[in-house]
Amino acid sequence: MPSVPTKKIYDISKEILLACGLPTEDADIVADTIVSAHRKEKHTHGLGRLSIYHRKTSSGLMSPTTTIKKVSDRGVVAVYDAENGFGQVAAYKGMQTCLEKAAALGIGVVAIRNSNSFGTADYFGEMAAKEGMVGIVMGNASPALATPGGNRALVGTNPLCFAFPGTGAHPPIVLDMACSVVARGKIRMALKNGEKIPSSWAVDADGIPTDDPEKALEGMINAIGGYKGFGLALVVDILAGLMSGSAFAGDVKALNAPEGFSRYGHFLAAINTSFFLDDTEYQKRMDYLVDQTKGCGEPGAVLLPGERSFLNSRRNTEDVDLPEKLVDDTNDLASLIGAGVRL
């Protein structure tokens, strides 16, 4: 895989986003989330989505300007309408509100309706962790999971994230997961690269396990832990979709759907740890938790949630190895819009 400077990833992303009509501030936010995804080696949530953004903004299915309309704001809770703008911008501004409320009141909660995919949930969870707060992020998505006992998909892979502040000795603990055995983006990436997938990932339209990514995308993805994963996805659909006033119960459209607004919903929260423990006590107890957990195995054998992404991000500060086809496709898009940057 070719090694690409992270600065080039940022620059080409921003130039393409600006060509899509995004304001500079919003393009900066989205480009930064793309770089973050690649540094953590979550390549399914980065550059590959730029062509979707270009098509959707060009066709009017996604607003290049993310106007955050306040629906309500009472106490620790606010509800926003993203008016079909970029999920990354909506989630970023939503988490900012959560942090402001949590700083004053101990907790802040924001629900967002009529949005689009926000990329990786951990980006927004870590916004809270960096401020010494617990970040909670959830988002519903288009129908994808096999329904236990059913014959069609109702809920999406529905990502969720819990991010806990780290200490001077240890990085944050960041659980970022989809409710499926695998993110749908990995199946799309396998299809784009002409690769097979493990047959345990998904079933085809007839409910038969398949290693063909195209048939998997036409069928359903298996929930993590079977009915338990489905139940967790349903909870995310309630919090992020039903309670936000956005689409839910199978009505969310995929980010790459050829028509119609996606109407994703988001649920974000920040919890101020200092309302529970002073900072010194929190860090002491967190260090004890991490040391005890790692002590369950040989040195280096036990990784905490988010640790692999943290190590990847630290290793990929200046350069990232990217799939060759992803590089080629991004350069082709840059040529199409007349961008001056190439990977």
Protein backbone atom coordinates (compact mmCIF):
# COMPACT_ATOMS: atom_id res chain seq x y z
CA MET A 1 0.00 0.00 0.00
CA PRO A 2 1.32 3.48 -0.83
CA SER A 3 2.34 5.69 2.07
CA VAL A 4 0.54 9.04 2.00
CA PRO A 5 1.35 12.13 4.13
CA THR A 6 -1.50 12.95 6.51
CA LYS A 7 -1.24 16.60 5.43
CA LYS A 8 -2.07 15.59 1.86
CA ILE A 9 -5.09 13.62 3.10
CA TYR A 10 -6.28 16.74 4.87
CA ASP A 11 -5.52 19.08 1.96
CA ILE A 12 -7.21 17.00 -0.74
CA SER A 13 -10.22 16.36 1.50
CA LYS A 14 -10.65 20.03 2.26
CA GLU A 15 -10.29 21.07 -1.39
CA ILE A 16 -12.89 18.54 -2.54
CA LEU A 17 -15.25 19.56 0.27
CA LEU A 18 -14.87 23.23 -0.60
CA ALA A 19 -15.70 22.34 -4.20
CA CYS A 20 -18.85 20.65 -2.86
CA GLY A 21 -19.84 24.01 -1.43
CA LEU A 22 -18.97 23.59 2.25
CA PRO A 23 -18.00 26.71 4.18
CA THR A 24 -14.32 26.75 5.17
CA GLU A 25 -15.03 26.08 8.86
CA ASP A 26 -17.19 23.05 8.06
CA ALA A 27 -14.69 21.71 5.52
CA ASP A 28 -12.00 21.91 8.21
CA ILE A 29 -14.11 19.82 10.60
CA VAL A 30 -14.96 17.12 8.06
CA ALA A 31 -11.40 16.96 6.70
CA ASP A 32 -10.04 16.54 10.23
CA THR A 33 -12.43 13.63 10.92
CA ILE A 34 -11.23 11.99 7.68
CA VAL A 35 -7.57 12.31 8.71
CA SER A 36 -8.41 10.97 12.17
CA ALA A 37 -10.11 7.90 10.69
CA HIS A 38 -7.11 7.08 8.49
CA ARG A 39 -4.57 7.65 11.25
CA LYS A 40 -6.49 5.09 13.31
CA GLU A 41 -6.55 2.83 10.21
CA LYS A 42 -10.34 2.98 9.96
CA HIS A 43 -10.06 3.43 6.21
CA THR A 44 -13.75 2.72 5.56
CA HIS A 45 -14.75 6.05 7.12
CA GLY A 46 -12.41 8.42 5.31
CA LEU A 47 -11.51 9.43 1.78
CA GLY A 48 -13.81 6.87 0.19
CA ARG A 49 -16.85 8.88 1.25
CA LEU A 50 -15.82 12.03 -0.59
CA SER A 51 -17.32 10.81 -3.87
CA ILE A 52 -20.64 10.21 -2.05
CA TYR A 53 -20.55 13.73 -0.60
CA HIS A 54 -19.81 15.16 -4.03
CA ARG A 55 -22.70 13.30 -5.65
CA LYS A 56 -25.18 14.07 -2.89
CA THR A 57 -24.39 17.77 -2.63
CA SER A 58 -24.45 18.07 -6.42
CA SER A 59 -27.87 16.40 -6.62
CA GLY A 60 -29.39 18.33 -3.72
CA LEU A 61 -29.70 15.28 -1.46
CA MET A 62 -27.32 16.74 1.11
CA SER A 63 -26.89 20.36 2.10
CA PRO A 64 -23.31 21.64 1.84
CA THR A 65 -24.13 24.19 4.53
CA THR A 66 -24.95 22.53 7.84
CA THR A 67 -27.37 24.88 9.55
CA ILE A 68 -27.95 23.79 13.13
CA LYS A 69 -31.51 24.81 13.90
CA LYS A 70 -32.45 24.79 17.58
CA VAL A 71 -35.67 22.84 18.12
CA SER A 72 -35.59 23.07 21.92
CA ASP A 73 -33.14 23.84 24.72
CA ARG A 74 -34.21 23.15 28.29
CA GLY A 75 -31.81 22.57 31.17
CA VAL A 76 -29.23 19.92 30.30
CA VAL A 77 -31.03 18.83 27.11
CA ALA A 78 -31.06 20.39 23.64
CA VAL A 79 -32.55 19.14 20.38
CA TYR A 80 -31.18 20.32 17.03
CA ASP A 81 -32.20 19.94 13.40
CA ALA A 82 -29.22 19.54 11.02
CA GLU A 83 -31.49 20.22 8.01
CA ASN A 84 -29.85 17.46 5.95
CA GLY A 85 -26.33 18.79 6.38
CA PHE A 86 -23.08 16.98 7.20
CA GLY A 87 -23.23 14.63 10.18
CA GLN A 88 -19.66 15.43 11.22
CA VAL A 89 -20.43 19.14 11.52
CA ALA A 90 -23.71 18.50 13.33
CA ALA A 91 -22.11 16.08 15.79
CA TYR A 92 -19.14 18.40 16.38
CA LYS A 93 -21.36 21.35 17.22
CA GLY A 94 -23.69 19.12 19.21
CA MET A 95 -20.83 17.85 21.36
CA GLN A 96 -19.64 21.40 21.90
CA THR A 97 -23.06 22.16 23.39
CA CYS A 98 -22.85 19.02 25.53
CA LEU A 99 -19.49 20.13 26.92
CA GLU A 100 -20.76 23.63 27.71
CA LYS A 101 -23.76 22.24 29.59
CA ALA A 102 -21.70 19.59 31.39
CA ALA A 103 -19.15 22.17 32.55
CA ALA A 104 -21.89 24.13 34.27
CA LEU A 105 -24.45 21.47 35.19
CA GLY A 106 -22.54 18.18 35.31
CA ILE A 107 -24.13 16.68 32.21
CA GLY A 108 -25.14 17.81 28.75
CA VAL A 109 -27.29 15.91 26.25
CA VAL A 110 -28.00 16.77 22.64
CA ALA A 111 -30.22 14.95 20.15
CA ILE A 112 -29.92 15.80 16.45
CA ARG A 113 -32.46 15.06 13.72
CA ASN A 114 -32.32 15.13 9.92
CA SER A 115 -28.57 14.59 9.63
CA ASN A 116 -26.19 12.29 7.75
CA SER A 117 -23.51 9.82 8.81
CA PHE A 118 -20.98 11.41 11.18
CA GLY A 119 -18.12 9.07 10.23
CA THR A 120 -16.37 7.52 13.23
CA ALA A 121 -18.13 7.99 16.56
CA ASP A 122 -14.88 8.02 18.55
CA TYR A 123 -13.88 11.41 17.12
CA PHE A 124 -16.72 13.08 19.01
CA GLY A 125 -16.39 10.92 22.11
CA GLU A 126 -12.74 11.94 22.34
CA MET A 127 -13.76 15.60 22.20
CA ALA A 128 -15.24 15.03 25.65
CA ALA A 129 -12.41 12.84 26.95
CA LYS A 130 -9.88 15.54 26.07
CA GLU A 131 -11.82 17.93 28.30
CA GLY A 132 -11.82 15.50 31.21
CA MET A 133 -15.38 14.38 30.59
CA VAL A 134 -17.08 11.15 29.60
CA GLY A 135 -18.36 11.26 26.03
CA ILE A 136 -21.32 9.23 24.80
CA VAL A 137 -22.11 9.13 21.09
CA MET A 138 -24.76 7.16 19.22
CA GLY A 139 -26.09 7.28 15.69
CA ASN A 140 -28.74 5.31 13.86
CA ALA A 141 -28.33 4.20 10.27
CA SER A 142 -30.19 2.59 7.39
CA PRO A 143 -31.61 -0.95 7.80
CA ALA A 144 -28.83 -3.53 7.71
CA LEU A 145 -28.97 -5.96 10.64
CA ALA A 146 -30.62 -9.35 10.41
CA THR A 147 -33.70 -9.29 12.64
CA PRO A 148 -33.84 -12.37 14.92
CA GLY A 149 -36.88 -14.38 13.82
CA GLY A 150 -37.61 -11.88 11.04
CA ASN A 151 -37.18 -11.82 7.29
CA ARG A 152 -35.99 -8.25 6.69
CA ALA A 153 -33.65 -5.68 8.18
CA LEU A 154 -35.15 -2.99 10.39
CA VAL A 155 -32.26 -1.31 12.21
CA GLY A 156 -28.81 -0.29 11.06
CA THR A 157 -25.33 -1.10 12.28
CA ASN A 158 -25.97 1.83 14.65
CA PRO A 159 -22.55 2.87 16.02
CA LEU A 160 -22.08 3.85 19.62
CA CYS A 161 -19.13 5.16 21.58
CA PHE A 162 -18.25 5.60 25.24
CA ALA A 163 -15.06 7.62 25.83
CA PHE A 164 -13.50 7.98 29.28
CA PRO A 165 -10.72 10.48 30.07
CA GLY A 166 -7.24 9.05 30.32
CA THR A 167 -4.52 9.92 32.81
CA GLY A 168 -0.92 11.00 32.73
CA ALA A 169 0.06 7.34 32.57
CA HIS A 170 -2.63 5.93 30.25
CA PRO A 171 -4.60 7.06 27.18
CA PRO A 172 -8.40 7.43 27.23
CA ILE A 173 -10.54 4.30 27.23
CA VAL A 174 -12.68 4.56 24.11
CA LEU A 175 -15.21 1.90 23.21
CA ASP A 176 -16.27 2.61 19.62
CA MET A 177 -18.31 -0.16 18.03
CA ALA A 178 -21.04 -0.98 15.59
CA CYS A 179 -23.87 -3.26 16.69
CA SER A 180 -22.97 -5.59 13.82
CA VAL A 181 -20.14 -8.11 13.67
CA VAL A 182 -18.49 -5.75 11.21
CA ALA A 183 -19.03 -2.20 9.96
CA ARG A 184 -20.88 -2.10 6.64
CA GLY A 185 -18.09 0.08 5.29
CA LYS A 186 -15.72 -2.90 5.48
CA ILE A 187 -18.02 -4.89 3.23
CA ARG A 188 -18.18 -1.98 0.77
CA MET A 189 -14.38 -1.77 0.87
CA ALA A 190 -14.10 -5.49 0.11
CA LEU A 191 -16.45 -5.08 -2.85
CA LYS A 192 -14.45 -2.13 -4.17
CA ASN A 193 -11.20 -4.10 -3.82
CA GLY A 194 -12.63 -7.29 -5.37
CA GLU A 195 -12.16 -9.27 -2.16
CA LYS A 196 -14.20 -11.97 -0.44
CA ILE A 197 -15.52 -11.54 3.11
CA PRO A 198 -15.81 -14.05 5.98
CA SER A 199 -19.12 -15.91 5.64
CA SER A 200 -19.83 -15.16 9.30
CA TRP A 201 -20.29 -11.48 8.53
CA ALA A 202 -23.53 -11.47 6.58
CA VAL A 203 -26.32 -13.34 4.81
CA ASP A 204 -27.66 -12.83 1.29
CA ALA A 205 -31.21 -11.79 0.37
CA ASP A 206 -32.39 -15.36 1.04
CA GLY A 207 -30.83 -15.45 4.51
CA ILE A 208 -27.96 -17.74 3.48
CA PRO A 209 -24.42 -16.97 4.78
CA THR A 210 -22.26 -15.52 2.00
CA ASP A 211 -18.65 -14.55 1.36
CA ASP A 212 -19.67 -12.34 -1.59
CA PRO A 213 -19.68 -8.67 -0.50
CA GLU A 214 -22.17 -7.70 -3.22
CA LYS A 215 -24.67 -10.32 -2.06
CA ALA A 216 -24.00 -9.29 1.54
CA LEU A 217 -24.91 -5.69 0.78
CA GLU A 218 -28.10 -6.91 -0.89
CA GLY A 219 -28.89 -9.03 2.17
CA MET A 220 -28.32 -8.41 5.88
CA ILE A 221 -25.36 -8.12 8.26
CA ASN A 222 -25.26 -10.28 11.36
CA ALA A 223 -25.67 -8.51 14.69
CA ILE A 224 -22.90 -8.90 17.23
CA GLY A 225 -24.03 -11.42 19.83
CA GLY A 226 -27.18 -12.30 17.90
CA TYR A 227 -30.37 -11.04 19.56
CA LYS A 228 -28.33 -9.07 22.13
CA GLY A 229 -26.66 -7.01 19.41
CA PHE A 230 -30.03 -6.47 17.74
CA GLY A 231 -31.45 -5.26 21.05
CA LEU A 232 -28.55 -2.84 21.48
CA ALA A 233 -29.08 -1.50 17.95
CA LEU A 234 -32.76 -1.01 18.73
CA VAL A 235 -31.84 1.03 21.82
CA VAL A 236 -29.62 3.26 19.66
CA ASP A 237 -32.48 3.63 17.15
CA ILE A 238 -34.76 4.80 19.98
CA LEU A 239 -32.31 7.30 21.47
CA ALA A 240 -30.79 8.65 18.25
CA GLY A 241 -33.77 8.33 15.92
CA LEU A 242 -37.11 8.07 17.68
CA MET A 243 -36.37 10.53 20.51
CA SER A 244 -34.51 13.03 18.31
CA GLY A 245 -37.49 13.33 15.98
CA SER A 246 -35.52 11.88 13.07
CA ALA A 247 -36.11 8.80 10.93
CA PHE A 248 -36.23 5.44 12.74
CA ALA A 249 -37.75 1.93 12.54
CA GLY A 250 -36.31 1.21 9.09
CA ASP A 251 -36.94 4.65 7.55
CA VAL A 252 -33.34 5.92 7.55
CA LYS A 253 -31.86 5.96 4.04
CA ALA A 254 -28.27 4.85 3.42
CA LEU A 255 -25.65 7.57 2.99
CA ASN A 256 -25.13 6.46 -0.62
CA ALA A 257 -28.85 6.05 -1.44
CA PRO A 258 -29.59 7.35 -4.97
CA GLU A 259 -32.57 9.42 -3.89
CA GLY A 260 -34.16 10.96 -0.81
CA PHE A 261 -32.69 12.53 2.29
CA SER A 262 -30.95 10.10 4.66
CA ARG A 263 -32.40 11.60 7.89
CA TYR A 264 -29.88 10.03 10.28
CA GLY A 265 -30.32 10.83 13.97
CA HIS A 266 -27.61 11.40 16.59
CA PHE A 267 -27.55 11.21 20.39
CA LEU A 268 -24.63 12.83 22.21
CA ALA A 269 -23.84 13.38 25.87
CA ALA A 270 -21.02 14.63 28.05
CA ILE A 271 -20.65 13.79 31.75
CA ASN A 272 -18.39 15.90 33.94
CA THR A 273 -16.29 13.51 36.05
CA SER A 274 -15.47 16.27 38.54
CA PHE A 275 -19.09 16.19 39.69
CA PHE A 276 -18.37 12.65 40.94
CA LEU A 277 -14.70 12.68 41.96
CA ASP A 278 -11.95 15.26 42.07
CA ASP A 279 -9.48 14.92 39.19
CA THR A 280 -6.72 13.38 41.30
CA GLU A 281 -8.99 10.67 42.67
CA TYR A 282 -10.43 9.92 39.23
CA GLN A 283 -6.98 9.50 37.70
CA LYS A 284 -5.78 7.35 40.60
CA ARG A 285 -8.76 5.01 40.24
CA MET A 286 -8.51 4.92 36.45
CA ASP A 287 -4.81 4.02 36.63
CA TYR A 288 -5.71 1.20 39.03
CA LEU A 289 -8.39 -0.08 36.63
CA VAL A 290 -6.01 -0.07 33.66
CA ASP A 291 -3.17 -1.72 35.60
CA GLN A 292 -5.47 -4.42 36.96
CA THR A 293 -6.89 -5.11 33.48
CA LYS A 294 -3.50 -5.36 31.84
CA GLY A 295 -2.32 -7.55 34.68
CA CYS A 296 -4.72 -10.25 33.47
CA GLY A 297 -2.23 -11.31 30.79
CA GLU A 298 1.38 -11.21 29.66
CA PRO A 299 2.88 -7.75 28.98
CA GLY A 300 1.29 -6.29 25.84
CA ALA A 301 -1.27 -9.09 25.52
CA VAL A 302 -4.28 -7.22 26.91
CA LEU A 303 -5.51 -4.13 25.06
CA LEU A 304 -8.19 -1.86 26.44
CA PRO A 305 -10.98 -0.44 24.23
CA GLY A 306 -9.56 2.16 21.87
CA GLU A 307 -5.94 1.32 22.63
CA ARG A 308 -5.24 -0.15 19.19
CA SER A 309 -6.63 2.98 17.51
CA PHE A 310 -4.57 5.14 19.86
CA LEU A 311 -1.38 3.27 19.00
CA ASN A 312 -2.20 3.39 15.27
CA SER A 313 -2.85 7.12 15.45
CA ARG A 314 0.43 7.78 17.25
CA ARG A 315 2.33 5.66 14.70
CA ASN A 316 0.61 7.33 11.73
CA THR A 317 1.16 10.94 12.75
CA GLU A 318 2.99 11.99 9.58
CA ASP A 319 2.15 9.26 7.05
CA VAL A 320 -0.50 6.58 6.56
CA ASP A 321 -0.46 3.48 4.35
CA LEU A 322 -3.63 3.57 2.23
CA PRO A 323 -5.17 1.00 -0.13
CA GLU A 324 -3.97 1.74 -3.67
CA LYS A 325 -7.49 1.79 -5.13
CA LEU A 326 -8.59 4.32 -2.51
CA VAL A 327 -5.70 6.57 -3.51
CA ASP A 328 -6.53 6.21 -7.21
CA ASP A 329 -10.24 6.88 -6.71
CA THR A 330 -9.53 9.97 -4.61
CA ASN A 331 -7.12 11.34 -7.21
CA ASP A 332 -9.70 10.70 -9.94
CA LEU A 333 -12.27 12.70 -7.99
CA ALA A 334 -9.76 15.49 -7.45
CA SER A 335 -9.13 15.59 -11.21
CA LEU A 336 -12.86 15.65 -11.91
CA ILE A 337 -13.43 18.76 -9.80
CA GLY A 338 -10.17 20.40 -10.84
CA ALA A 339 -8.46 20.22 -7.45
CA GLY A 340 -4.78 21.06 -7.35
CA VAL A 341 -3.82 18.44 -4.75
CA ARG A 342 -3.02 14.77 -5.41
CA LEU A 343 -2.18 12.00 -2.98
